[in-house]
Amino acid sequence: MTPDLLFSIGNMGVLAGWLPLAFLPFWRGTQIIAAVLIPLLLAVAYVTLLFVPLGEPSTAPLDFTSLQGVKAMFANDQVMLVGWFHYLAFDLFVGAWEVRDSRTHGIPHLLVIPCLILTFMFGPAGFLLYMIIRTIRLRSVALSN
């Protein structure tokens, strides 16, 4: 499989988690799919891609200490795909947490939907919006029940 094909599969597959979070938040299977199954599949793909080359292996050294070092690593399609799967898995996991947490605290799902959209598209921005809404609704920043 090529990195382009895996990229497309990952992008389409993750929708199977985001759509139930938005439209079926109270269905029992939503959390299993969005918080466990799809992130787990992405994690398996992630780890596999770390060790099984799809084409030319990256010649860039692992350098997370500078922006230029990270840029050089991500110039390789497979390394970029690994990074993308990282984003897909963690953003979906955060979106699933937002839905679970909102249910626990009685935050209306209509307020959560914009957070899910932002989390899907811009990860931390959606989490920030959710935390702002959560703090206003609960009048507290505490993360415990």
N, C-alpha and C. Protein backbone atom coordinates (compact mmCIF):
# COMPACT_ATOMS: atom_id res chain seq x y z
N MET A 1 0.84 -1.19 0.00
CA MET A 1 0.00 0.00 0.00
C MET A 1 0.88 1.24 0.00
N THR A 2 0.38 2.26 -0.64
CA THR A 2 1.14 3.51 -0.71
C THR A 2 0.73 4.43 0.44
N PRO A 3 1.60 5.36 0.79
CA PRO A 3 1.21 6.34 1.82
C PRO A 3 -0.06 7.10 1.46
N ASP A 4 -0.23 7.43 0.17
CA ASP A 4 -1.45 8.15 -0.26
C ASP A 4 -2.71 7.34 0.00
N LEU A 5 -2.66 6.04 -0.31
CA LEU A 5 -3.82 5.18 -0.08
C LEU A 5 -4.11 5.05 1.41
N LEU A 6 -3.06 4.85 2.21
CA LEU A 6 -3.25 4.74 3.66
C LEU A 6 -3.78 6.04 4.25
N PHE A 7 -3.33 7.17 3.71
CA PHE A 7 -3.83 8.47 4.14
C PHE A 7 -5.33 8.56 3.89
N SER A 8 -5.77 8.17 2.70
CA SER A 8 -7.20 8.20 2.37
C SER A 8 -8.00 7.25 3.25
N ILE A 9 -7.49 6.06 3.47
CA ILE A 9 -8.18 5.09 4.33
C ILE A 9 -8.30 5.64 5.75
N GLY A 10 -7.22 6.20 6.26
CA GLY A 10 -7.26 6.78 7.61
C GLY A 10 -8.26 7.91 7.72
N ASN A 11 -8.26 8.79 6.74
CA ASN A 11 -9.19 9.94 6.77
C ASN A 11 -10.64 9.50 6.69
N MET A 12 -10.93 8.52 5.85
CA MET A 12 -12.31 8.04 5.74
C MET A 12 -12.69 7.20 6.96
N GLY A 13 -11.77 6.39 7.42
CA GLY A 13 -12.06 5.51 8.56
C GLY A 13 -12.36 6.27 9.84
N VAL A 14 -11.67 7.37 10.04
CA VAL A 14 -11.87 8.13 11.28
C VAL A 14 -13.26 8.77 11.32
N LEU A 15 -13.86 8.98 10.17
CA LEU A 15 -15.23 9.51 10.14
C LEU A 15 -16.22 8.56 10.80
N ALA A 16 -15.90 7.27 10.78
CA ALA A 16 -16.77 6.28 11.43
C ALA A 16 -16.81 6.48 12.95
N GLY A 17 -15.89 7.25 13.48
CA GLY A 17 -15.91 7.61 14.89
C GLY A 17 -16.52 8.98 15.12
N TRP A 18 -16.18 9.93 14.26
CA TRP A 18 -16.68 11.30 14.44
C TRP A 18 -18.17 11.42 14.20
N LEU A 19 -18.69 10.72 13.21
CA LEU A 19 -20.12 10.85 12.91
C LEU A 19 -21.00 10.35 14.06
N PRO A 20 -20.73 9.19 14.66
CA PRO A 20 -21.53 8.79 15.82
C PRO A 20 -21.37 9.75 17.01
N LEU A 21 -20.18 10.31 17.19
CA LEU A 21 -20.02 11.28 18.29
C LEU A 21 -20.95 12.47 18.10
N ALA A 22 -21.09 12.91 16.87
CA ALA A 22 -21.94 14.07 16.59
C ALA A 22 -23.42 13.72 16.57
N PHE A 23 -23.77 12.58 15.96
CA PHE A 23 -25.18 12.29 15.70
C PHE A 23 -25.79 11.18 16.56
N LEU A 24 -24.96 10.35 17.18
CA LEU A 24 -25.46 9.26 18.04
C LEU A 24 -24.73 9.25 19.38
N PRO A 25 -24.68 10.39 20.05
CA PRO A 25 -23.85 10.47 21.26
C PRO A 25 -24.32 9.55 22.39
N PHE A 26 -25.59 9.16 22.40
CA PHE A 26 -26.12 8.37 23.50
C PHE A 26 -26.17 6.88 23.18
N TRP A 27 -25.79 6.49 21.97
CA TRP A 27 -25.75 5.08 21.60
C TRP A 27 -24.56 4.43 22.29
N ARG A 28 -24.77 3.26 22.85
CA ARG A 28 -23.72 2.55 23.60
C ARG A 28 -22.46 2.31 22.77
N GLY A 29 -22.63 2.00 21.50
CA GLY A 29 -21.49 1.69 20.66
C GLY A 29 -20.63 2.87 20.29
N THR A 30 -21.15 4.07 20.44
CA THR A 30 -20.39 5.26 20.03
C THR A 30 -19.05 5.34 20.74
N GLN A 31 -19.04 5.18 22.06
CA GLN A 31 -17.78 5.29 22.80
C GLN A 31 -16.84 4.14 22.47
N ILE A 32 -17.38 2.96 22.26
CA ILE A 32 -16.52 1.81 21.90
C ILE A 32 -15.82 2.08 20.57
N ILE A 33 -16.58 2.59 19.61
CA ILE A 33 -16.02 2.87 18.29
C ILE A 33 -15.06 4.05 18.33
N ALA A 34 -15.49 5.17 18.93
CA ALA A 34 -14.73 6.42 18.86
C ALA A 34 -13.58 6.51 19.86
N ALA A 35 -13.75 5.89 21.03
CA ALA A 35 -12.71 6.03 22.05
C ALA A 35 -11.76 4.84 22.10
N VAL A 36 -12.19 3.70 21.53
CA VAL A 36 -11.36 2.50 21.63
C VAL A 36 -11.01 1.93 20.25
N LEU A 37 -12.00 1.49 19.51
CA LEU A 37 -11.76 0.73 18.29
C LEU A 37 -10.94 1.50 17.24
N ILE A 38 -11.42 2.66 16.83
CA ILE A 38 -10.72 3.39 15.77
C ILE A 38 -9.35 3.91 16.25
N PRO A 39 -9.25 4.51 17.46
CA PRO A 39 -7.91 4.89 17.91
C PRO A 39 -6.96 3.69 18.03
N LEU A 40 -7.49 2.53 18.41
CA LEU A 40 -6.65 1.33 18.49
C LEU A 40 -6.16 0.91 17.10
N LEU A 41 -7.05 0.93 16.12
CA LEU A 41 -6.64 0.61 14.75
C LEU A 41 -5.59 1.60 14.23
N LEU A 42 -5.80 2.87 14.53
CA LEU A 42 -4.82 3.88 14.12
C LEU A 42 -3.49 3.68 14.85
N ALA A 43 -3.55 3.25 16.10
CA ALA A 43 -2.32 2.98 16.85
C ALA A 43 -1.55 1.81 16.25
N VAL A 44 -2.28 0.77 15.83
CA VAL A 44 -1.62 -0.38 15.19
C VAL A 44 -0.97 0.07 13.88
N ALA A 45 -1.70 0.86 13.09
CA ALA A 45 -1.14 1.37 11.83
C ALA A 45 0.07 2.25 12.11
N TYR A 46 -0.02 3.08 13.13
CA TYR A 46 1.06 3.98 13.52
C TYR A 46 2.33 3.19 13.85
N VAL A 47 2.19 2.21 14.73
CA VAL A 47 3.35 1.43 15.15
C VAL A 47 3.91 0.63 13.97
N THR A 48 3.04 0.07 13.16
CA THR A 48 3.48 -0.67 11.98
C THR A 48 4.28 0.22 11.05
N LEU A 49 3.77 1.43 10.81
CA LEU A 49 4.46 2.35 9.91
C LEU A 49 5.80 2.83 10.47
N LEU A 50 5.95 2.76 11.78
CA LEU A 50 7.25 3.12 12.36
C LEU A 50 8.34 2.12 11.98
N PHE A 51 7.93 0.86 11.76
CA PHE A 51 8.92 -0.19 11.57
C PHE A 51 8.92 -0.87 10.21
N VAL A 52 7.85 -0.70 9.43
CA VAL A 52 7.76 -1.36 8.12
C VAL A 52 7.80 -0.29 7.03
N PRO A 53 8.91 -0.21 6.31
CA PRO A 53 9.00 0.82 5.27
C PRO A 53 8.07 0.54 4.09
N LEU A 54 7.42 1.59 3.60
CA LEU A 54 6.54 1.48 2.44
C LEU A 54 7.30 1.81 1.15
N GLY A 55 8.36 2.52 1.26
CA GLY A 55 9.14 2.93 0.10
C GLY A 55 10.55 3.24 0.58
N GLU A 56 11.07 4.32 0.07
CA GLU A 56 12.40 4.76 0.49
C GLU A 56 12.36 5.17 1.96
N PRO A 57 13.20 4.57 2.80
CA PRO A 57 13.22 4.98 4.20
C PRO A 57 13.75 6.41 4.33
N SER A 58 13.32 7.05 5.38
CA SER A 58 13.78 8.42 5.63
C SER A 58 15.26 8.40 5.98
N THR A 59 15.99 9.35 5.42
CA THR A 59 17.40 9.46 5.73
C THR A 59 17.65 10.55 6.78
N ALA A 60 16.59 11.27 7.12
CA ALA A 60 16.73 12.35 8.10
C ALA A 60 16.89 11.74 9.49
N PRO A 61 17.81 12.27 10.27
CA PRO A 61 17.95 11.76 11.64
C PRO A 61 16.75 12.18 12.48
N LEU A 62 16.46 11.40 13.52
CA LEU A 62 15.38 11.78 14.44
C LEU A 62 15.86 12.98 15.24
N ASP A 63 15.26 14.11 14.99
CA ASP A 63 15.67 15.35 15.66
C ASP A 63 14.42 16.14 16.04
N PHE A 64 14.01 15.97 17.29
CA PHE A 64 12.86 16.71 17.81
C PHE A 64 13.29 17.96 18.57
N THR A 65 14.55 18.34 18.46
CA THR A 65 15.08 19.45 19.25
C THR A 65 15.00 20.80 18.53
N SER A 66 14.69 20.78 17.23
CA SER A 66 14.59 22.05 16.51
C SER A 66 13.48 21.95 15.47
N LEU A 67 12.96 23.08 15.09
CA LEU A 67 11.92 23.11 14.06
C LEU A 67 12.47 22.57 12.75
N GLN A 68 13.69 22.91 12.42
CA GLN A 68 14.31 22.41 11.18
C GLN A 68 14.48 20.90 11.20
N GLY A 69 14.81 20.35 12.37
CA GLY A 69 14.95 18.90 12.50
C GLY A 69 13.63 18.18 12.29
N VAL A 70 12.56 18.71 12.88
CA VAL A 70 11.23 18.11 12.70
C VAL A 70 10.79 18.25 11.25
N LYS A 71 11.04 19.40 10.66
CA LYS A 71 10.68 19.63 9.26
C LYS A 71 11.39 18.63 8.35
N ALA A 72 12.65 18.36 8.61
CA ALA A 72 13.41 17.41 7.80
C ALA A 72 12.84 16.00 7.94
N MET A 73 12.46 15.61 9.14
CA MET A 73 11.88 14.28 9.35
C MET A 73 10.57 14.14 8.59
N PHE A 74 9.72 15.15 8.64
CA PHE A 74 8.40 15.08 8.04
C PHE A 74 8.41 15.31 6.53
N ALA A 75 9.59 15.50 5.95
CA ALA A 75 9.68 15.61 4.48
C ALA A 75 9.45 14.25 3.82
N ASN A 76 9.57 13.17 4.57
CA ASN A 76 9.33 11.81 4.07
C ASN A 76 7.84 11.49 4.21
N ASP A 77 7.22 10.97 3.13
CA ASP A 77 5.78 10.69 3.14
C ASP A 77 5.37 9.73 4.26
N GLN A 78 6.17 8.70 4.50
CA GLN A 78 5.79 7.73 5.53
C GLN A 78 5.86 8.35 6.93
N VAL A 79 6.85 9.16 7.18
CA VAL A 79 6.95 9.84 8.47
C VAL A 79 5.78 10.82 8.63
N MET A 80 5.42 11.51 7.57
CA MET A 80 4.28 12.42 7.60
C MET A 80 3.00 11.64 7.90
N LEU A 81 2.84 10.47 7.29
CA LEU A 81 1.66 9.64 7.53
C LEU A 81 1.61 9.18 8.98
N VAL A 82 2.73 8.80 9.54
CA VAL A 82 2.78 8.42 10.95
C VAL A 82 2.30 9.59 11.82
N GLY A 83 2.80 10.77 11.53
CA GLY A 83 2.36 11.96 12.27
C GLY A 83 0.88 12.24 12.10
N TRP A 84 0.37 12.05 10.90
CA TRP A 84 -1.06 12.29 10.64
C TRP A 84 -1.92 11.30 11.41
N PHE A 85 -1.52 10.03 11.43
CA PHE A 85 -2.28 9.03 12.19
C PHE A 85 -2.26 9.35 13.68
N HIS A 86 -1.16 9.91 14.14
CA HIS A 86 -1.07 10.36 15.53
C HIS A 86 -2.16 11.40 15.80
N TYR A 87 -2.26 12.39 14.93
CA TYR A 87 -3.30 13.42 15.07
C TYR A 87 -4.70 12.82 15.02
N LEU A 88 -4.96 11.96 14.04
CA LEU A 88 -6.28 11.37 13.89
C LEU A 88 -6.69 10.61 15.14
N ALA A 89 -5.78 9.80 15.66
CA ALA A 89 -6.10 8.97 16.84
C ALA A 89 -6.36 9.83 18.07
N PHE A 90 -5.48 10.77 18.35
CA PHE A 90 -5.62 11.55 19.57
C PHE A 90 -6.76 12.56 19.50
N ASP A 91 -6.98 13.16 18.35
CA ASP A 91 -8.11 14.09 18.24
C ASP A 91 -9.43 13.36 18.42
N LEU A 92 -9.56 12.17 17.84
CA LEU A 92 -10.78 11.39 18.02
C LEU A 92 -10.95 10.97 19.47
N PHE A 93 -9.88 10.58 20.10
CA PHE A 93 -9.93 10.20 21.51
C PHE A 93 -10.39 11.38 22.37
N VAL A 94 -9.89 12.56 22.08
CA VAL A 94 -10.31 13.76 22.81
C VAL A 94 -11.78 14.07 22.54
N GLY A 95 -12.21 13.94 21.29
CA GLY A 95 -13.62 14.16 20.96
C GLY A 95 -14.52 13.20 21.72
N ALA A 96 -14.13 11.94 21.82
CA ALA A 96 -14.91 10.95 22.57
C ALA A 96 -14.96 11.34 24.05
N TRP A 97 -13.85 11.83 24.58
CA TRP A 97 -13.84 12.27 25.98
C TRP A 97 -14.79 13.46 26.18
N GLU A 98 -14.78 14.39 25.23
CA GLU A 98 -15.68 15.55 25.33
C GLU A 98 -17.13 15.10 25.44
N VAL A 99 -17.52 14.14 24.60
CA VAL A 99 -18.90 13.64 24.64
C VAL A 99 -19.18 12.94 25.97
N ARG A 100 -18.28 12.07 26.42
CA ARG A 100 -18.46 11.38 27.70
C ARG A 100 -18.56 12.37 28.85
N ASP A 101 -17.64 13.31 28.87
CA ASP A 101 -17.61 14.29 29.96
C ASP A 101 -18.85 15.17 29.95
N SER A 102 -19.30 15.56 28.77
CA SER A 102 -20.49 16.41 28.69
C SER A 102 -21.72 15.66 29.20
N ARG A 103 -21.79 14.38 28.93
CA ARG A 103 -22.92 13.58 29.44
C ARG A 103 -22.86 13.49 30.96
N THR A 104 -21.68 13.27 31.48
CA THR A 104 -21.50 13.18 32.93
C THR A 104 -21.95 14.45 33.63
N HIS A 105 -21.69 15.58 33.00
CA HIS A 105 -21.96 16.87 33.64
C HIS A 105 -23.20 17.58 33.11
N GLY A 106 -23.98 16.89 32.28
CA GLY A 106 -25.24 17.46 31.82
C GLY A 106 -25.10 18.65 30.88
N ILE A 107 -24.00 18.69 30.15
CA ILE A 107 -23.81 19.77 29.17
C ILE A 107 -24.57 19.37 27.90
N PRO A 108 -25.48 20.21 27.42
CA PRO A 108 -26.28 19.86 26.23
C PRO A 108 -25.40 19.53 25.03
N HIS A 109 -25.79 18.48 24.33
CA HIS A 109 -24.99 18.02 23.18
C HIS A 109 -24.90 19.09 22.09
N LEU A 110 -25.90 19.92 21.95
CA LEU A 110 -25.83 20.99 20.94
C LEU A 110 -24.66 21.94 21.20
N LEU A 111 -24.28 22.09 22.46
CA LEU A 111 -23.11 22.91 22.77
C LEU A 111 -21.80 22.18 22.47
N VAL A 112 -21.86 20.86 22.47
CA VAL A 112 -20.66 20.05 22.25
C VAL A 112 -20.34 19.91 20.76
N ILE A 113 -21.36 19.94 19.91
CA ILE A 113 -21.14 19.73 18.48
C ILE A 113 -20.11 20.71 17.89
N PRO A 114 -20.18 22.02 18.17
CA PRO A 114 -19.12 22.90 17.63
C PRO A 114 -17.73 22.52 18.15
N CYS A 115 -17.67 22.04 19.38
CA CYS A 115 -16.39 21.61 19.94
C CYS A 115 -15.86 20.40 19.17
N LEU A 116 -16.76 19.47 18.83
CA LEU A 116 -16.36 18.28 18.08
C LEU A 116 -15.85 18.67 16.70
N ILE A 117 -16.54 19.59 16.06
CA ILE A 117 -16.10 20.03 14.72
C ILE A 117 -14.71 20.66 14.80
N LEU A 118 -14.54 21.53 15.79
CA LEU A 118 -13.22 22.17 15.95
C LEU A 118 -12.15 21.16 16.34
N THR A 119 -12.49 20.20 17.20
CA THR A 119 -11.51 19.19 17.60
C THR A 119 -11.12 18.34 16.40
N PHE A 120 -12.10 18.00 15.56
CA PHE A 120 -11.82 17.24 14.34
C PHE A 120 -10.91 18.02 13.40
N MET A 121 -11.17 19.29 13.23
CA MET A 121 -10.43 20.09 12.26
C MET A 121 -9.14 20.71 12.83
N PHE A 122 -9.22 21.15 14.09
CA PHE A 122 -8.11 21.92 14.66
C PHE A 122 -7.77 21.48 16.08
N GLY A 123 -7.92 20.19 16.38
CA GLY A 123 -7.56 19.57 17.65
C GLY A 123 -7.65 20.43 18.89
N PRO A 124 -6.55 21.04 19.29
CA PRO A 124 -6.53 21.79 20.55
C PRO A 124 -7.53 22.94 20.61
N ALA A 125 -7.88 23.53 19.48
CA ALA A 125 -8.87 24.63 19.49
C ALA A 125 -10.24 24.11 19.92
N GLY A 126 -10.60 22.91 19.48
CA GLY A 126 -11.87 22.32 19.90
C GLY A 126 -11.85 21.94 21.38
N PHE A 127 -10.73 21.42 21.83
CA PHE A 127 -10.59 21.10 23.26
C PHE A 127 -10.70 22.37 24.10
N LEU A 128 -10.06 23.44 23.65
CA LEU A 128 -10.13 24.71 24.36
C LEU A 128 -11.57 25.21 24.43
N LEU A 129 -12.29 25.18 23.32
CA LEU A 129 -13.68 25.61 23.32
C LEU A 129 -14.51 24.76 24.28
N TYR A 130 -14.30 23.44 24.24
CA TYR A 130 -15.05 22.58 25.15
C TYR A 130 -14.76 22.95 26.60
N MET A 131 -13.50 23.16 26.93
CA MET A 131 -13.14 23.49 28.31
C MET A 131 -13.72 24.84 28.74
N ILE A 132 -13.81 25.78 27.81
CA ILE A 132 -14.45 27.07 28.14
C ILE A 132 -15.93 26.86 28.42
N ILE A 133 -16.61 26.13 27.54
CA ILE A 133 -18.04 25.85 27.74
C ILE A 133 -18.25 25.09 29.04
N ARG A 134 -17.42 24.09 29.27
CA ARG A 134 -17.52 23.27 30.48
C ARG A 134 -17.34 24.12 31.73
N THR A 135 -16.35 24.99 31.71
CA THR A 135 -16.07 25.85 32.87
C THR A 135 -17.23 26.80 33.13
N ILE A 136 -17.77 27.38 32.08
CA ILE A 136 -18.91 28.30 32.25
C ILE A 136 -20.12 27.54 32.78
N ARG A 137 -20.42 26.39 32.21
CA ARG A 137 -21.59 25.60 32.62
C ARG A 137 -21.46 25.09 34.04
N LEU A 138 -20.28 24.63 34.42
CA LEU A 138 -20.08 24.04 35.75
C LEU A 138 -19.61 25.07 36.79
N ARG A 139 -19.25 26.25 36.30
CA ARG A 139 -18.68 27.28 37.17
C ARG A 139 -17.49 26.75 37.96
N SER A 140 -16.73 25.87 37.29
CA SER A 140 -15.58 25.24 37.93
C SER A 140 -14.64 24.74 36.84
N VAL A 141 -13.35 24.73 37.16
CA VAL A 141 -12.35 24.22 36.24
C VAL A 141 -11.98 22.79 36.58
N ALA A 142 -12.42 22.30 37.73
CA ALA A 142 -12.04 20.96 38.21
C ALA A 142 -12.41 19.88 37.20
N LEU A 143 -11.53 18.88 37.05
CA LEU A 143 -11.76 17.80 36.11
C LEU A 143 -12.33 16.55 36.78
N SER A 144 -12.59 16.60 38.05
CA SER A 144 -13.16 15.42 38.72
C SER A 144 -14.67 15.46 38.64
N ASN A 145 -15.28 14.30 38.89
CA ASN A 145 -16.76 14.25 38.89
C ASN A 145 -17.23 14.95 40.09
